[in-house]
Structure formats: structure tokens, C-alpha cells
Amino acid sequence: MTDLRKLIYGDSSDPRIELEELFGSDGAHRLAAAQEWGRGVIHDAGLTADQQVHVIRALRRAEPRLSLKPATFLAAQLARLPRAARALRG
């Protein structure tokens, strides 16, 4: 029933909470672990962070527990990172 409520009333949950639950937090930067993992997924899939839809799909395939809203949020964060930071992994 929770999903139906989200569809009717909108999902106001913070996607960062789910990302922290899945990937932990290093304290200084709450999303650092998720971003590092995401950069690795993008690199392994042969994608660039600018390919938003493909990145979201790759993230969700790599981690099935990741729901759409946090995956979209993470993909947007990765696309905003400077190219040098994105290339650290590859």
C-alpha cells in the first residue's frame, strides 16, 4: 500500500537516505561511497555520466535494491561532478 500512496500523493522521501543505507556514509561527505560505487559502475558499463538514462539503468542493474528515485539522484550527482573527478576511477 505504501507504493500506491507514493503514486497518489507523490514521493517526498529523501533519496540520500536510501543511498546512505545501501552504501554507508564516511561522515565528511555523506554520499562519497555511493558516488565512488556509481563511478565504478559507469566505467565498467562503458558509459559516460552524461548518458543519464543508461547510467540509471546500469546503476539499478548493478544494485537491484536501488530504487528509481535514488538512482536518478545519484546519476544526476555523477553528471555534475567535474570530468577530472569522474575520471578518477578509469
C-alpha atoms as a PDB file:
ATOM      1  CA  MET A   1       0.000   0.000   0.000  1.00  0.00           C
ATOM      2  CA  THR A   2       2.920   2.346   0.566  1.00  0.00           C
ATOM      3  CA  ASP A   3       3.797   2.379  -3.132  1.00  0.00           C
ATOM      4  CA  LEU A   4       0.207   3.277  -4.025  1.00  0.00           C
ATOM      5  CA  ARG A   5       0.348   6.205  -1.614  1.00  0.00           C
ATOM      6  CA  LYS A   6       3.573   7.387  -3.229  1.00  0.00           C
ATOM      7  CA  LEU A   7       1.893   7.244  -6.633  1.00  0.00           C
ATOM      8  CA  ILE A   8      -1.152   9.170  -5.477  1.00  0.00           C
ATOM      9  CA  TYR A   9       0.443  11.739  -3.173  1.00  0.00           C
ATOM     10  CA  GLY A  10       3.953  11.878  -4.583  1.00  0.00           C
ATOM     11  CA  ASP A  11       7.187  10.576  -3.170  1.00  0.00           C
ATOM     12  CA  SER A  12       8.634  13.154  -0.809  1.00  0.00           C
ATOM     13  CA  SER A  13      11.322  10.859   0.588  1.00  0.00           C
ATOM     14  CA  ASP A  14      14.940  11.999   0.504  1.00  0.00           C
ATOM     15  CA  PRO A  15      16.906   9.811  -1.956  1.00  0.00           C
ATOM     16  CA  ARG A  16      20.093  10.425   0.035  1.00  0.00           C
ATOM     17  CA  ILE A  17      18.711   8.365   2.908  1.00  0.00           C
ATOM     18  CA  GLU A  18      18.366   5.242   0.763  1.00  0.00           C
ATOM     19  CA  LEU A  19      21.834   5.793  -0.703  1.00  0.00           C
ATOM     20  CA  GLU A  20      23.321   6.091   2.789  1.00  0.00           C
ATOM     21  CA  GLU A  21      21.515   2.934   3.903  1.00  0.00           C
ATOM     22  CA  LEU A  22      22.890   0.984   0.937  1.00  0.00           C
ATOM     23  CA  PHE A  23      26.415   2.381   0.778  1.00  0.00           C
ATOM     24  CA  GLY A  24      27.104   3.855   4.201  1.00  0.00           C
ATOM     25  CA  SER A  25      28.470   7.273   4.983  1.00  0.00           C
ATOM     26  CA  ASP A  26      32.004   8.441   5.648  1.00  0.00           C
ATOM     27  CA  GLY A  27      30.848  11.402   7.721  1.00  0.00           C
ATOM     28  CA  ALA A  28      32.676  14.181   5.854  1.00  0.00           C
ATOM     29  CA  HIS A  29      30.801  13.613   2.621  1.00  0.00           C
ATOM     30  CA  ARG A  30      27.550  11.726   3.050  1.00  0.00           C
ATOM     31  CA  LEU A  31      27.397  10.384  -0.491  1.00  0.00           C
ATOM     32  CA  ALA A  32      31.072   9.679  -1.172  1.00  0.00           C
ATOM     33  CA  ALA A  33      30.722   5.879  -1.047  1.00  0.00           C
ATOM     34  CA  ALA A  34      27.690   5.891  -3.345  1.00  0.00           C
ATOM     35  CA  GLN A  35      29.412   8.221  -5.799  1.00  0.00           C
ATOM     36  CA  GLU A  36      32.548   6.090  -5.844  1.00  0.00           C
ATOM     37  CA  TRP A  37      30.468   2.981  -6.473  1.00  0.00           C
ATOM     38  CA  GLY A  38      28.495   4.801  -9.178  1.00  0.00           C
ATOM     39  CA  ARG A  39      31.669   5.919 -10.959  1.00  0.00           C
ATOM     40  CA  GLY A  40      32.814   2.301 -10.975  1.00  0.00           C
ATOM     41  CA  VAL A  41      29.512   1.102 -12.424  1.00  0.00           C
ATOM     42  CA  ILE A  42      29.656   3.751 -15.149  1.00  0.00           C
ATOM     43  CA  HIS A  43      33.230   2.806 -16.005  1.00  0.00           C
ATOM     44  CA  ASP A  44      32.501  -0.936 -16.047  1.00  0.00           C
ATOM     45  CA  ALA A  45      29.457  -0.381 -18.279  1.00  0.00           C
ATOM     46  CA  GLY A  46      31.495   1.705 -20.728  1.00  0.00           C
ATOM     47  CA  LEU A  47      29.225   4.708 -20.279  1.00  0.00           C
ATOM     48  CA  THR A  48      29.774   8.383 -19.638  1.00  0.00           C
ATOM     49  CA  ALA A  49      27.978  10.190 -16.810  1.00  0.00           C
ATOM     50  CA  ASP A  50      26.182  12.324 -19.409  1.00  0.00           C
ATOM     51  CA  GLN A  51      24.203   9.286 -20.636  1.00  0.00           C
ATOM     52  CA  GLN A  52      21.690   9.730 -17.830  1.00  0.00           C
ATOM     53  CA  VAL A  53      19.071   7.118 -18.746  1.00  0.00           C
ATOM     54  CA  HIS A  54      21.677   4.455 -19.478  1.00  0.00           C
ATOM     55  CA  VAL A  55      23.509   5.282 -16.251  1.00  0.00           C
ATOM     56  CA  ILE A  56      20.305   4.906 -14.197  1.00  0.00           C
ATOM     57  CA  ARG A  57      19.664   1.542 -15.810  1.00  0.00           C
ATOM     58  CA  ALA A  58      23.244   0.383 -15.163  1.00  0.00           C
ATOM     59  CA  LEU A  59      23.078   1.515 -11.527  1.00  0.00           C
ATOM     60  CA  ARG A  60      19.830  -0.349 -10.904  1.00  0.00           C
ATOM     61  CA  ARG A  61      21.098  -3.486 -12.616  1.00  0.00           C
ATOM     62  CA  ALA A  62      24.272  -3.418 -10.543  1.00  0.00           C
ATOM     63  CA  GLU A  63      22.328  -2.935  -7.294  1.00  0.00           C
ATOM     64  CA  PRO A  64      18.757  -4.303  -7.503  1.00  0.00           C
ATOM     65  CA  ARG A  65      17.825  -2.813  -4.105  1.00  0.00           C
ATOM     66  CA  LEU A  66      18.351   0.686  -5.512  1.00  0.00           C
ATOM     67  CA  SER A  67      15.002   2.269  -6.315  1.00  0.00           C
ATOM     68  CA  LEU A  68      14.389   4.687  -9.168  1.00  0.00           C
ATOM     69  CA  LYS A  69      14.425   7.976  -7.252  1.00  0.00           C
ATOM     70  CA  PRO A  70      17.830   7.448  -5.565  1.00  0.00           C
ATOM     71  CA  ALA A  71      19.287   6.048  -8.806  1.00  0.00           C
ATOM     72  CA  THR A  72      18.136   9.150 -10.669  1.00  0.00           C
ATOM     73  CA  PHE A  73      19.519  11.384  -7.929  1.00  0.00           C
ATOM     74  CA  LEU A  74      22.885   9.589  -7.981  1.00  0.00           C
ATOM     75  CA  ALA A  75      23.086   9.729 -11.786  1.00  0.00           C
ATOM     76  CA  ALA A  76      22.445  13.478 -11.671  1.00  0.00           C
ATOM     77  CA  GLN A  77      25.119  13.923  -8.995  1.00  0.00           C
ATOM     78  CA  LEU A  78      27.638  11.965 -11.066  1.00  0.00           C
ATOM     79  CA  ALA A  79      26.843  14.022 -14.164  1.00  0.00           C
ATOM     80  CA  ARG A  80      27.543  17.227 -12.212  1.00  0.00           C
ATOM     81  CA  LEU A  81      30.944  16.111 -10.965  1.00  0.00           C
ATOM     82  CA  PRO A  82      33.893  17.673 -12.772  1.00  0.00           C
ATOM     83  CA  ARG A  83      35.251  15.433 -15.527  1.00  0.00           C
ATOM     84  CA  ALA A  84      38.525  15.012 -13.609  1.00  0.00           C
ATOM     85  CA  ALA A  85      36.664  13.605 -10.603  1.00  0.00           C
ATOM     86  CA  ARG A  86      34.626  11.314 -12.854  1.00  0.00           C
ATOM     87  CA  ALA A  87      37.790  10.017 -14.470  1.00  0.00           C
ATOM     88  CA  LEU A  88      39.459   9.082 -11.163  1.00  0.00           C
ATOM     89  CA  ARG A  89      38.043   5.606 -11.436  1.00  0.00           C
ATOM     90  CA  GLY A  90      39.044   4.972 -15.046  1.00  0.00           C
END
